[in-house]
Amino acid sequence: MNIREVMTDEIYTCKITDSVETAAELMKTHNIGVLPVLDKNGSPAGMVTDRDIVIRGVAEHKEQTVDQVMTHELIHVTPDTPAEEAADLMASTQVRRLPVIENGQVIGIVSLGDLSVNPRSDEKAGDTLSDISHP
């Protein structure tokens, strides 16, 4: 099974120059906790989570752009990545969601939840959650 079979392809993104408030509003509107961040050319530049906004943004008590609070290291998979490999990557990097990138564009997101609802990857998802949860 590969990521294309389990990923979520309805995605929302923000720009590196957007305000933290704009990113938070997008998350609230779409009931999501992560946004891929695109650079000025529309290429993937990183990820911003609701936690990034709270810890690096709100707690700083100043207006900031997404660029100032996001994670710049983009850990990602392709649609053809095997689900087990994606789960191993999540575990080793302690992340719960990975952007799916094809031809330099974000085409989806795969989450630990996506892996856990699939009977063929359910056990691996449980192992991955355990690995992510340990510091």
N, C-alpha and C. Protein backbone atom coordinates (compact mmCIF):
# COMPACT_ATOMS: atom_id res chain seq x y z
N MET A 1 0.84 -1.17 0.00
CA MET A 1 0.00 0.00 0.00
C MET A 1 0.89 1.25 0.00
N ASN A 2 0.55 2.21 -0.83
CA ASN A 2 1.34 3.44 -0.85
C ASN A 2 0.51 4.63 -0.34
N ILE A 3 1.17 5.73 -0.16
CA ILE A 3 0.55 6.92 0.43
C ILE A 3 -0.61 7.43 -0.41
N ARG A 4 -0.54 7.32 -1.71
CA ARG A 4 -1.63 7.79 -2.58
C ARG A 4 -2.97 7.17 -2.18
N GLU A 5 -2.93 5.95 -1.65
CA GLU A 5 -4.15 5.23 -1.29
C GLU A 5 -4.78 5.72 0.01
N VAL A 6 -4.01 6.38 0.87
CA VAL A 6 -4.53 6.77 2.19
C VAL A 6 -4.48 8.26 2.48
N MET A 7 -3.77 9.03 1.66
CA MET A 7 -3.58 10.45 1.94
C MET A 7 -4.89 11.23 1.78
N THR A 8 -4.91 12.39 2.39
CA THR A 8 -6.00 13.34 2.22
C THR A 8 -5.56 14.29 1.12
N ASP A 9 -6.37 14.39 0.06
CA ASP A 9 -5.96 15.25 -1.05
C ASP A 9 -6.68 16.60 -1.06
N GLU A 10 -7.58 16.81 -0.13
CA GLU A 10 -8.19 18.13 0.01
C GLU A 10 -7.34 18.90 1.03
N ILE A 11 -6.48 19.76 0.51
CA ILE A 11 -5.53 20.45 1.39
C ILE A 11 -5.73 21.95 1.32
N TYR A 12 -5.30 22.60 2.36
CA TYR A 12 -5.29 24.06 2.44
C TYR A 12 -3.86 24.45 2.75
N THR A 13 -3.42 25.55 2.19
CA THR A 13 -2.05 26.02 2.40
C THR A 13 -2.08 27.49 2.79
N CYS A 14 -0.95 27.95 3.27
CA CYS A 14 -0.78 29.39 3.49
C CYS A 14 0.56 29.78 2.89
N LYS A 15 0.78 31.09 2.84
CA LYS A 15 2.02 31.61 2.28
C LYS A 15 2.96 32.00 3.40
N ILE A 16 4.22 31.96 3.10
CA ILE A 16 5.25 32.30 4.07
C ILE A 16 5.10 33.74 4.59
N THR A 17 4.48 34.60 3.80
CA THR A 17 4.30 36.00 4.18
C THR A 17 2.97 36.27 4.90
N ASP A 18 2.10 35.26 5.00
CA ASP A 18 0.83 35.45 5.70
C ASP A 18 1.06 35.72 7.17
N SER A 19 0.12 36.40 7.77
CA SER A 19 0.20 36.62 9.22
C SER A 19 -0.16 35.33 9.94
N VAL A 20 0.30 35.22 11.16
CA VAL A 20 -0.05 34.09 12.01
C VAL A 20 -1.57 34.03 12.18
N GLU A 21 -2.17 35.20 12.29
CA GLU A 21 -3.63 35.27 12.44
C GLU A 21 -4.34 34.66 11.22
N THR A 22 -3.85 34.95 10.03
CA THR A 22 -4.43 34.39 8.81
C THR A 22 -4.35 32.87 8.82
N ALA A 23 -3.20 32.33 9.20
CA ALA A 23 -3.03 30.88 9.27
C ALA A 23 -3.98 30.28 10.30
N ALA A 24 -4.09 30.93 11.45
CA ALA A 24 -4.99 30.44 12.50
C ALA A 24 -6.44 30.46 12.04
N GLU A 25 -6.83 31.48 11.31
CA GLU A 25 -8.20 31.56 10.79
C GLU A 25 -8.48 30.44 9.80
N LEU A 26 -7.51 30.14 8.95
CA LEU A 26 -7.66 29.02 8.01
C LEU A 26 -7.84 27.70 8.76
N MET A 27 -7.04 27.51 9.78
CA MET A 27 -7.15 26.29 10.57
C MET A 27 -8.51 26.18 11.24
N LYS A 28 -8.98 27.28 11.78
CA LYS A 28 -10.28 27.29 12.44
C LYS A 28 -11.40 27.01 11.44
N THR A 29 -11.38 27.69 10.31
CA THR A 29 -12.42 27.54 9.30
C THR A 29 -12.53 26.11 8.80
N HIS A 30 -11.39 25.45 8.62
CA HIS A 30 -11.37 24.11 8.03
C HIS A 30 -11.18 23.00 9.06
N ASN A 31 -11.13 23.39 10.34
CA ASN A 31 -11.00 22.44 11.44
C ASN A 31 -9.79 21.51 11.25
N ILE A 32 -8.64 22.15 11.03
CA ILE A 32 -7.39 21.42 10.83
C ILE A 32 -6.32 21.98 11.76
N GLY A 33 -5.25 21.25 11.94
CA GLY A 33 -4.20 21.68 12.86
C GLY A 33 -2.86 21.92 12.22
N VAL A 34 -2.79 21.81 10.89
CA VAL A 34 -1.52 21.98 10.20
C VAL A 34 -1.77 22.54 8.80
N LEU A 35 -0.84 23.37 8.35
CA LEU A 35 -0.90 23.91 7.00
C LEU A 35 0.48 23.80 6.36
N PRO A 36 0.55 23.26 5.16
CA PRO A 36 1.80 23.39 4.41
C PRO A 36 1.99 24.88 4.08
N VAL A 37 3.23 25.32 4.13
CA VAL A 37 3.54 26.73 3.85
C VAL A 37 4.26 26.80 2.52
N LEU A 38 3.79 27.70 1.66
CA LEU A 38 4.38 27.87 0.34
C LEU A 38 5.22 29.15 0.31
N ASP A 39 6.33 29.11 -0.44
CA ASP A 39 7.15 30.31 -0.59
C ASP A 39 6.53 31.23 -1.64
N LYS A 40 7.23 32.30 -1.97
CA LYS A 40 6.70 33.29 -2.90
C LYS A 40 6.46 32.74 -4.29
N ASN A 41 7.13 31.62 -4.63
CA ASN A 41 6.96 30.99 -5.94
C ASN A 41 5.94 29.86 -5.93
N GLY A 42 5.32 29.62 -4.78
CA GLY A 42 4.32 28.55 -4.67
C GLY A 42 4.91 27.18 -4.39
N SER A 43 6.20 27.13 -4.09
CA SER A 43 6.85 25.86 -3.76
C SER A 43 6.77 25.61 -2.25
N PRO A 44 6.73 24.35 -1.84
CA PRO A 44 6.67 24.04 -0.41
C PRO A 44 7.90 24.56 0.33
N ALA A 45 7.65 25.26 1.45
CA ALA A 45 8.74 25.85 2.22
C ALA A 45 8.81 25.32 3.64
N GLY A 46 7.75 24.67 4.10
CA GLY A 46 7.71 24.17 5.47
C GLY A 46 6.30 23.88 5.89
N MET A 47 6.12 23.75 7.20
CA MET A 47 4.80 23.46 7.77
C MET A 47 4.59 24.37 8.97
N VAL A 48 3.33 24.72 9.21
CA VAL A 48 2.99 25.45 10.42
C VAL A 48 1.83 24.71 11.09
N THR A 49 1.96 24.51 12.38
CA THR A 49 0.93 23.80 13.15
C THR A 49 0.25 24.77 14.11
N ASP A 50 -0.89 24.32 14.63
CA ASP A 50 -1.57 25.11 15.63
C ASP A 50 -0.66 25.30 16.85
N ARG A 51 0.13 24.31 17.16
CA ARG A 51 1.06 24.41 18.29
C ARG A 51 2.15 25.45 18.01
N ASP A 52 2.67 25.48 16.77
CA ASP A 52 3.66 26.51 16.40
C ASP A 52 3.08 27.90 16.66
N ILE A 53 1.84 28.08 16.26
CA ILE A 53 1.20 29.39 16.41
C ILE A 53 1.09 29.78 17.87
N VAL A 54 0.71 28.84 18.71
CA VAL A 54 0.56 29.15 20.14
C VAL A 54 1.90 29.35 20.81
N ILE A 55 2.82 28.42 20.63
CA ILE A 55 4.09 28.45 21.34
C ILE A 55 5.04 29.53 20.81
N ARG A 56 5.17 29.62 19.50
CA ARG A 56 6.12 30.56 18.92
C ARG A 56 5.48 31.89 18.55
N GLY A 57 4.18 31.93 18.46
CA GLY A 57 3.48 33.15 18.05
C GLY A 57 2.78 33.85 19.19
N VAL A 58 1.68 33.31 19.63
CA VAL A 58 0.86 33.96 20.66
C VAL A 58 1.65 34.21 21.93
N ALA A 59 2.44 33.23 22.36
CA ALA A 59 3.20 33.37 23.59
C ALA A 59 4.24 34.48 23.52
N GLU A 60 4.61 34.89 22.33
CA GLU A 60 5.59 35.97 22.16
C GLU A 60 4.96 37.35 22.26
N HIS A 61 3.64 37.43 22.24
CA HIS A 61 2.90 38.69 22.39
C HIS A 61 3.26 39.75 21.36
N LYS A 62 3.45 39.32 20.12
CA LYS A 62 3.70 40.29 19.06
C LYS A 62 3.19 39.74 17.74
N GLU A 63 2.88 40.63 16.83
CA GLU A 63 2.42 40.19 15.51
C GLU A 63 3.59 39.58 14.75
N GLN A 64 3.31 38.45 14.13
CA GLN A 64 4.36 37.75 13.39
C GLN A 64 3.79 37.18 12.11
N THR A 65 4.71 36.88 11.18
CA THR A 65 4.31 36.19 9.96
C THR A 65 4.50 34.69 10.17
N VAL A 66 3.91 33.93 9.30
CA VAL A 66 4.05 32.47 9.35
C VAL A 66 5.53 32.09 9.30
N ASP A 67 6.31 32.79 8.49
CA ASP A 67 7.73 32.50 8.37
C ASP A 67 8.45 32.51 9.72
N GLN A 68 7.99 33.32 10.64
CA GLN A 68 8.66 33.46 11.93
C GLN A 68 8.31 32.36 12.93
N VAL A 69 7.24 31.60 12.68
CA VAL A 69 6.82 30.58 13.63
C VAL A 69 6.82 29.16 13.06
N MET A 70 6.92 29.03 11.76
CA MET A 70 6.80 27.73 11.10
C MET A 70 8.04 26.86 11.28
N THR A 71 7.90 25.60 10.96
CA THR A 71 9.02 24.68 10.90
C THR A 71 9.54 24.71 9.47
N HIS A 72 10.79 25.11 9.30
CA HIS A 72 11.36 25.26 7.97
C HIS A 72 11.87 23.95 7.37
N GLU A 73 12.22 23.02 8.21
CA GLU A 73 12.69 21.72 7.71
C GLU A 73 11.48 20.94 7.23
N LEU A 74 11.40 20.72 5.94
CA LEU A 74 10.24 20.06 5.36
C LEU A 74 10.48 18.56 5.23
N ILE A 75 9.92 17.82 6.14
CA ILE A 75 9.97 16.37 6.09
C ILE A 75 8.73 15.94 5.33
N HIS A 76 8.90 15.20 4.25
CA HIS A 76 7.76 14.89 3.40
C HIS A 76 7.89 13.52 2.76
N VAL A 77 6.83 13.11 2.09
CA VAL A 77 6.80 11.87 1.33
C VAL A 77 6.25 12.16 -0.05
N THR A 78 6.34 11.17 -0.93
CA THR A 78 5.74 11.26 -2.26
C THR A 78 4.50 10.36 -2.26
N PRO A 79 3.65 10.49 -3.26
CA PRO A 79 2.46 9.64 -3.31
C PRO A 79 2.80 8.15 -3.44
N ASP A 80 3.99 7.84 -3.96
CA ASP A 80 4.38 6.45 -4.16
C ASP A 80 5.17 5.87 -2.99
N THR A 81 5.37 6.65 -1.95
CA THR A 81 6.06 6.15 -0.76
C THR A 81 5.21 5.06 -0.11
N PRO A 82 5.82 3.93 0.22
CA PRO A 82 5.06 2.90 0.93
C PRO A 82 4.58 3.42 2.29
N ALA A 83 3.37 3.04 2.68
CA ALA A 83 2.79 3.51 3.94
C ALA A 83 3.68 3.15 5.13
N GLU A 84 4.27 1.98 5.10
CA GLU A 84 5.13 1.57 6.20
C GLU A 84 6.36 2.48 6.30
N GLU A 85 6.91 2.89 5.17
CA GLU A 85 8.05 3.81 5.17
C GLU A 85 7.64 5.17 5.73
N ALA A 86 6.46 5.64 5.38
CA ALA A 86 5.96 6.92 5.92
C ALA A 86 5.78 6.82 7.43
N ALA A 87 5.24 5.71 7.90
CA ALA A 87 5.06 5.52 9.34
C ALA A 87 6.41 5.50 10.05
N ASP A 88 7.39 4.85 9.45
CA ASP A 88 8.73 4.84 10.04
C ASP A 88 9.32 6.25 10.09
N LEU A 89 9.09 7.04 9.03
CA LEU A 89 9.58 8.42 8.99
C LEU A 89 8.90 9.26 10.07
N MET A 90 7.60 9.08 10.24
CA MET A 90 6.89 9.80 11.30
C MET A 90 7.47 9.46 12.66
N ALA A 91 7.73 8.17 12.88
CA ALA A 91 8.27 7.74 14.16
C ALA A 91 9.66 8.30 14.41
N SER A 92 10.52 8.23 13.40
CA SER A 92 11.91 8.67 13.60
C SER A 92 12.03 10.18 13.75
N THR A 93 11.10 10.93 13.16
CA THR A 93 11.16 12.40 13.26
C THR A 93 10.15 12.96 14.25
N GLN A 94 9.35 12.08 14.85
CA GLN A 94 8.34 12.43 15.83
C GLN A 94 7.35 13.48 15.33
N VAL A 95 6.80 13.22 14.13
CA VAL A 95 5.74 14.07 13.58
C VAL A 95 4.51 13.21 13.30
N ARG A 96 3.35 13.82 13.34
CA ARG A 96 2.10 13.09 13.14
C ARG A 96 1.50 13.30 11.75
N ARG A 97 2.05 14.24 11.00
CA ARG A 97 1.53 14.53 9.66
C ARG A 97 2.69 14.83 8.72
N LEU A 98 2.56 14.38 7.48
CA LEU A 98 3.58 14.64 6.48
C LEU A 98 2.91 15.19 5.22
N PRO A 99 3.48 16.25 4.64
CA PRO A 99 2.96 16.68 3.35
C PRO A 99 3.37 15.66 2.28
N VAL A 100 2.51 15.53 1.29
CA VAL A 100 2.79 14.65 0.15
C VAL A 100 3.14 15.55 -1.02
N ILE A 101 4.34 15.40 -1.54
CA ILE A 101 4.84 16.30 -2.58
C ILE A 101 5.11 15.51 -3.86
N GLU A 102 4.63 16.07 -4.96
CA GLU A 102 4.86 15.49 -6.27
C GLU A 102 5.17 16.61 -7.25
N ASN A 103 6.25 16.48 -7.99
CA ASN A 103 6.67 17.50 -8.95
C ASN A 103 6.78 18.88 -8.32
N GLY A 104 7.31 18.94 -7.10
CA GLY A 104 7.53 20.22 -6.42
C GLY A 104 6.28 20.89 -5.89
N GLN A 105 5.15 20.19 -5.87
CA GLN A 105 3.89 20.76 -5.39
C GLN A 105 3.31 19.89 -4.28
N VAL A 106 2.66 20.54 -3.32
CA VAL A 106 1.96 19.80 -2.27
C VAL A 106 0.64 19.31 -2.85
N ILE A 107 0.46 17.99 -2.84
CA ILE A 107 -0.77 17.43 -3.40
C ILE A 107 -1.63 16.73 -2.34
N GLY A 108 -1.11 16.67 -1.12
CA GLY A 108 -1.88 16.02 -0.06
C GLY A 108 -1.16 16.06 1.27
N ILE A 109 -1.83 15.48 2.24
CA ILE A 109 -1.28 15.33 3.59
C ILE A 109 -1.59 13.90 4.01
N VAL A 110 -0.64 13.27 4.66
CA VAL A 110 -0.91 11.97 5.27
C VAL A 110 -0.67 12.11 6.76
N SER A 111 -1.63 11.65 7.53
CA SER A 111 -1.53 11.75 8.98
C SER A 111 -1.48 10.37 9.59
N LEU A 112 -1.10 10.35 10.83
CA LEU A 112 -1.11 9.10 11.57
C LEU A 112 -2.53 8.53 11.57
N GLY A 113 -3.51 9.41 11.64
CA GLY A 113 -4.90 8.98 11.60
C GLY A 113 -5.26 8.31 10.28
N ASP A 114 -4.74 8.86 9.16
CA ASP A 114 -4.99 8.24 7.85
C ASP A 114 -4.46 6.81 7.83
N LEU A 115 -3.30 6.61 8.43
CA LEU A 115 -2.71 5.27 8.47
C LEU A 115 -3.47 4.35 9.41
N SER A 116 -3.98 4.89 10.51
CA SER A 116 -4.61 4.04 11.51
C SER A 116 -6.00 3.55 11.10
N VAL A 117 -6.70 4.26 10.22
CA VAL A 117 -8.03 3.81 9.82
C VAL A 117 -7.98 2.77 8.72
N ASN A 118 -6.82 2.55 8.15
CA ASN A 118 -6.68 1.55 7.11
C ASN A 118 -6.30 0.21 7.76
N PRO A 119 -7.12 -0.81 7.58
CA PRO A 119 -6.84 -2.10 8.24
C PRO A 119 -5.45 -2.66 7.90
N ARG A 120 -4.95 -2.37 6.71
CA ARG A 120 -3.65 -2.93 6.32
C ARG A 120 -2.48 -2.24 7.02
N SER A 121 -2.71 -1.06 7.60
CA SER A 121 -1.61 -0.36 8.26
C SER A 121 -1.91 -0.04 9.72
N ASP A 122 -3.02 -0.54 10.23
CA ASP A 122 -3.47 -0.21 11.58
C ASP A 122 -2.44 -0.53 12.66
N GLU A 123 -1.84 -1.72 12.62
CA GLU A 123 -0.87 -2.10 13.63
C GLU A 123 0.38 -1.22 13.56
N LYS A 124 0.85 -0.92 12.36
CA LYS A 124 2.02 -0.07 12.18
C LYS A 124 1.74 1.33 12.73
N ALA A 125 0.53 1.84 12.53
CA ALA A 125 0.17 3.17 13.04
C ALA A 125 0.25 3.20 14.56
N GLY A 126 -0.20 2.13 15.20
CA GLY A 126 -0.10 2.07 16.66
C GLY A 126 1.33 2.09 17.14
N ASP A 127 2.18 1.34 16.47
CA ASP A 127 3.61 1.34 16.81
C ASP A 127 4.21 2.73 16.60
N THR A 128 3.82 3.37 15.53
CA THR A 128 4.33 4.71 15.20
C THR A 128 3.92 5.71 16.28
N LEU A 129 2.66 5.67 16.70
CA LEU A 129 2.18 6.58 17.76
C LEU A 129 2.99 6.39 19.02
N SER A 130 3.27 5.17 19.35
CA SER A 130 4.08 4.89 20.54
C SER A 130 5.46 5.51 20.40
N ASP A 131 6.07 5.37 19.22
CA ASP A 131 7.41 5.95 18.99
C ASP A 131 7.38 7.47 19.02
N ILE A 132 6.33 8.08 18.47
CA ILE A 132 6.22 9.54 18.46
C ILE A 132 6.05 10.08 19.87
N SER A 133 5.34 9.34 20.69
CA SER A 133 5.00 9.81 22.04
C SER A 133 6.17 9.75 23.01
N HIS A 134 7.19 8.97 22.70
CA HIS A 134 8.36 8.91 23.57
C HIS A 134 9.39 9.94 23.15
N PRO A 135 9.85 10.75 24.11
CA PRO A 135 10.84 11.79 23.75
C PRO A 135 12.17 11.20 23.31
